[in-house]
N, C-alpha and C. Protein backbone atom coordinates (compact mmCIF):
# COMPACT_ATOMS: atom_id res chain seq x y z
N MET A 1 1.00 -1.36 0.55
CA MET A 1 -0.28 -0.25 0.01
C MET A 1 0.94 1.79 0.02
N ALA A 2 2.09 1.17 0.69
CA ALA A 2 2.99 2.39 0.03
C ALA A 2 3.36 2.87 -0.72
N PHE A 3 3.27 1.69 -1.67
CA PHE A 3 3.32 2.08 -3.27
C PHE A 3 2.37 2.93 -4.30
N LEU A 4 1.17 2.99 -3.46
CA LEU A 4 0.36 3.37 -4.01
C LEU A 4 0.11 5.04 -3.12
N ARG A 5 0.53 5.12 -1.78
CA ARG A 5 0.53 6.60 -1.14
C ARG A 5 1.94 7.31 -1.90
N ASN A 6 2.76 6.54 -2.56
CA ASN A 6 4.05 7.59 -2.83
C ASN A 6 4.21 7.64 -4.71
N CYS A 7 3.08 6.87 -5.38
CA CYS A 7 2.90 7.15 -6.95
C CYS A 7 2.89 8.79 -6.88
N THR A 8 3.27 9.36 -8.25
CA THR A 8 2.75 10.11 -8.74
C THR A 8 1.49 10.27 -9.89
N PRO A 9 1.11 11.00 -9.71
CA PRO A 9 -0.32 11.31 -10.53
C PRO A 9 -0.01 10.46 -11.97
N VAL A 10 0.84 10.65 -12.60
CA VAL A 10 1.23 9.63 -14.05
C VAL A 10 1.16 8.36 -13.67
N GLN A 11 1.76 7.93 -12.71
CA GLN A 11 1.57 6.22 -12.22
C GLN A 11 0.59 5.89 -11.82
N GLY A 12 -0.50 6.96 -10.99
CA GLY A 12 -1.52 6.47 -11.10
C GLY A 12 -2.66 6.19 -12.25
N ILE A 13 -2.15 6.77 -12.89
CA ILE A 13 -3.33 6.98 -14.22
C ILE A 13 -2.64 5.83 -14.78
N LEU A 14 -1.42 5.76 -15.03
CA LEU A 14 -1.07 4.34 -15.34
C LEU A 14 -1.15 2.74 -15.09
N LEU A 15 -1.63 2.84 -14.13
CA LEU A 15 -1.86 1.78 -13.02
C LEU A 15 -3.16 1.62 -13.08
N ILE A 16 -4.19 2.40 -13.55
CA ILE A 16 -5.67 2.53 -13.65
C ILE A 16 -5.50 1.93 -15.17
N ALA A 17 -4.76 2.51 -15.88
CA ALA A 17 -5.12 1.74 -17.33
C ALA A 17 -4.81 0.48 -17.74
N VAL A 18 -3.86 0.11 -17.03
CA VAL A 18 -3.21 -1.31 -16.99
C VAL A 18 -4.34 -2.09 -16.44
N PHE A 19 -5.11 -1.81 -15.12
CA PHE A 19 -6.22 -2.63 -14.73
C PHE A 19 -7.24 -2.64 -15.81
N ALA A 20 -8.01 -1.48 -16.40
CA ALA A 20 -9.15 -1.28 -16.86
C ALA A 20 -8.37 -2.07 -18.54
N ILE A 21 -7.29 -2.24 -19.19
CA ILE A 21 -6.79 -3.49 -19.96
C ILE A 21 -7.35 -4.61 -19.45
N VAL A 22 -6.68 -4.80 -18.45
CA VAL A 22 -6.61 -6.31 -17.80
C VAL A 22 -8.05 -6.71 -17.97
N ILE A 23 -9.13 -6.02 -17.37
CA ILE A 23 -10.04 -6.26 -16.61
C ILE A 23 -10.85 -6.42 -18.40
N ALA A 24 -10.37 -5.64 -19.54
CA ALA A 24 -11.96 -5.51 -20.96
C ALA A 24 -10.43 -7.00 -21.53
N PHE A 25 -9.72 -7.53 -21.31
CA PHE A 25 -9.27 -9.31 -21.80
C PHE A 25 -9.52 -9.54 -21.08
N ILE A 26 -10.22 -10.07 -19.79
CA ILE A 26 -10.82 -10.58 -19.17
C ILE A 26 -12.27 -11.42 -19.98
N LEU A 27 -12.86 -9.77 -19.78
CA LEU A 27 -14.44 -10.07 -20.28
C LEU A 27 -14.55 -10.45 -21.93
N LEU A 28 -13.80 -10.03 -22.70
CA LEU A 28 -13.37 -10.54 -24.03
C LEU A 28 -13.56 -11.93 -23.94
N ALA A 29 -12.07 -12.44 -23.37
CA ALA A 29 -11.87 -13.56 -23.28
C ALA A 29 -13.11 -14.69 -22.41
N THR A 30 -13.86 -14.31 -22.02
CA THR A 30 -15.10 -15.04 -21.32
C THR A 30 -16.01 -14.75 -22.40
N GLN A 31 -16.39 -13.81 -22.92
CA GLN A 31 -17.57 -13.72 -24.13
C GLN A 31 -17.02 -14.23 -25.38
N SER A 32 -16.16 -14.73 -25.47
CA SER A 32 -15.48 -15.47 -25.99
C SER A 32 -15.45 -17.31 -26.30
N TYR A 33 -14.89 -17.11 -25.37
CA TYR A 33 -15.50 -18.89 -24.62
C TYR A 33 -17.07 -19.20 -24.49
N PHE A 34 -17.81 -18.36 -23.90
CA PHE A 34 -19.25 -18.71 -23.99
C PHE A 34 -19.47 -18.55 -25.20
N SER A 35 -19.42 -18.18 -26.49
CA SER A 35 -19.74 -18.20 -27.43
C SER A 35 -19.32 -19.38 -28.15
N TYR A 36 -18.17 -19.71 -27.72
CA TYR A 36 -17.67 -20.80 -28.29
C TYR A 36 -18.74 -21.93 -27.97
N VAL A 37 -18.60 -21.97 -26.49
CA VAL A 37 -19.26 -23.17 -26.20
C VAL A 37 -20.66 -23.61 -26.73
N GLU A 38 -21.74 -22.36 -27.13
CA GLU A 38 -23.22 -22.40 -27.09
C GLU A 38 -23.09 -22.90 -28.72
N VAL A 39 -22.28 -22.21 -29.53
CA VAL A 39 -22.15 -23.15 -30.83
C VAL A 39 -21.62 -24.19 -30.87
N THR A 40 -20.96 -25.08 -30.13
CA THR A 40 -20.37 -26.09 -30.17
C THR A 40 -21.27 -27.21 -29.43
N GLU A 41 -21.87 -26.86 -28.64
CA GLU A 41 -23.51 -27.47 -27.93
C GLU A 41 -24.42 -27.30 -29.29
N ALA A 42 -24.85 -26.53 -29.54
CA ALA A 42 -25.55 -26.40 -30.85
C ALA A 42 -25.06 -27.33 -31.90
N ALA A 43 -24.32 -27.50 -32.50
CA ALA A 43 -23.23 -27.88 -33.46
C ALA A 43 -23.32 -29.58 -32.79
N ASN A 44 -23.24 -30.03 -32.23
CA ASN A 44 -23.13 -31.20 -31.32
C ASN A 44 -23.98 -32.11 -31.46
N GLY A 45 -25.35 -31.23 -30.80
CA GLY A 45 -26.48 -31.67 -30.83
C GLY A 45 -27.00 -31.82 -32.71
N CYS A 46 -27.03 -31.01 -33.47
CA CYS A 46 -27.05 -31.38 -34.34
C CYS A 46 -26.63 -32.51 -35.12
N PHE A 47 -25.51 -32.82 -35.16
CA PHE A 47 -24.59 -34.09 -35.73
C PHE A 47 -25.47 -35.34 -34.84
N ASP A 48 -25.19 -35.18 -33.68
CA ASP A 48 -26.07 -36.42 -32.63
C ASP A 48 -27.43 -36.47 -33.18
N GLN A 49 -28.26 -36.05 -34.08
CA GLN A 49 -29.54 -36.28 -34.79
C GLN A 49 -29.58 -36.79 -36.10
N GLY A 50 -28.01 -36.74 -36.44
CA GLY A 50 -27.94 -36.93 -37.91
C GLY A 50 -27.70 -35.84 -39.09
N GLY A 51 -27.87 -34.94 -38.34
CA GLY A 51 -27.68 -33.44 -39.34
C GLY A 51 -26.48 -33.14 -39.68
N PHE A 52 -26.59 -31.39 -40.20
CA PHE A 52 -25.62 -30.72 -40.21
C PHE A 52 -26.12 -29.59 -40.33
N PRO A 53 -25.07 -29.37 -39.29
CA PRO A 53 -25.77 -27.39 -38.87
C PRO A 53 -24.64 -26.64 -39.82
N VAL A 54 -25.99 -25.22 -40.15
CA VAL A 54 -25.49 -24.14 -40.21
C VAL A 54 -25.79 -23.22 -39.69
N ILE A 55 -24.83 -22.40 -39.49
CA ILE A 55 -24.48 -21.45 -38.50
C ILE A 55 -24.57 -20.24 -38.94
N GLU A 56 -24.94 -19.14 -38.79
CA GLU A 56 -24.64 -17.58 -39.08
C GLU A 56 -24.42 -16.76 -37.31
N LYS A 57 -23.08 -16.27 -37.57
CA LYS A 57 -22.60 -15.15 -36.26
C LYS A 57 -22.39 -14.24 -36.92
N SER A 58 -22.36 -13.42 -36.05
CA SER A 58 -21.82 -11.81 -35.94
C SER A 58 -21.06 -11.15 -34.95
N GLY A 59 -19.82 -11.13 -34.90
CA GLY A 59 -19.13 -11.39 -33.27
C GLY A 59 -19.30 -12.20 -32.67
N PHE A 60 -19.97 -12.35 -31.75
CA PHE A 60 -19.85 -13.38 -30.70
C PHE A 60 -21.31 -13.72 -30.59
N GLN A 61 -21.80 -13.18 -30.94
CA GLN A 61 -23.48 -13.52 -31.42
C GLN A 61 -24.03 -14.36 -32.15
N LEU A 62 -24.78 -15.35 -31.31
CA LEU A 62 -25.44 -15.96 -32.67
C LEU A 62 -26.67 -15.80 -33.21
N ILE A 63 -26.57 -15.67 -34.51
CA ILE A 63 -27.60 -14.94 -35.01
C ILE A 63 -28.99 -15.67 -35.97
N SER A 64 -28.24 -17.06 -36.55
CA SER A 64 -29.00 -18.17 -36.76
C SER A 64 -28.75 -19.05 -36.60
N PHE A 65 -29.56 -20.55 -36.56
CA PHE A 65 -29.15 -22.08 -36.41
C PHE A 65 -29.50 -22.96 -36.78
N GLN A 66 -29.74 -23.55 -37.84
CA GLN A 66 -30.30 -24.60 -38.40
C GLN A 66 -29.46 -25.70 -38.66
N CYS A 67 -30.36 -26.50 -38.27
CA CYS A 67 -30.12 -27.94 -38.40
C CYS A 67 -30.68 -28.49 -39.84
N ASN A 68 -30.16 -29.26 -40.56
CA ASN A 68 -30.50 -30.06 -41.57
C ASN A 68 -30.19 -31.31 -42.04
N ARG A 69 -31.45 -32.18 -41.73
CA ARG A 69 -31.04 -33.46 -41.63
C ARG A 69 -31.48 -33.86 -43.22
N ASP A 70 -30.91 -35.02 -43.54
CA ASP A 70 -31.47 -35.54 -45.05
C ASP A 70 -32.34 -36.99 -44.74
């Protein structure tokens, strides 16, 4: 805690910026992981039924999902 009391305003801003970047990276990685899990589970369910998944995504969001069965 002594470091925080003795840091200059520029060091404080840098510390806050680094902290914000780390938090943003964690949130982005979490969103990416859950998007991957959602698509993988939907596709595996379609494959289990003997179908072929057609997936449309925009960024991390699943826009449409169709399971085409022969």
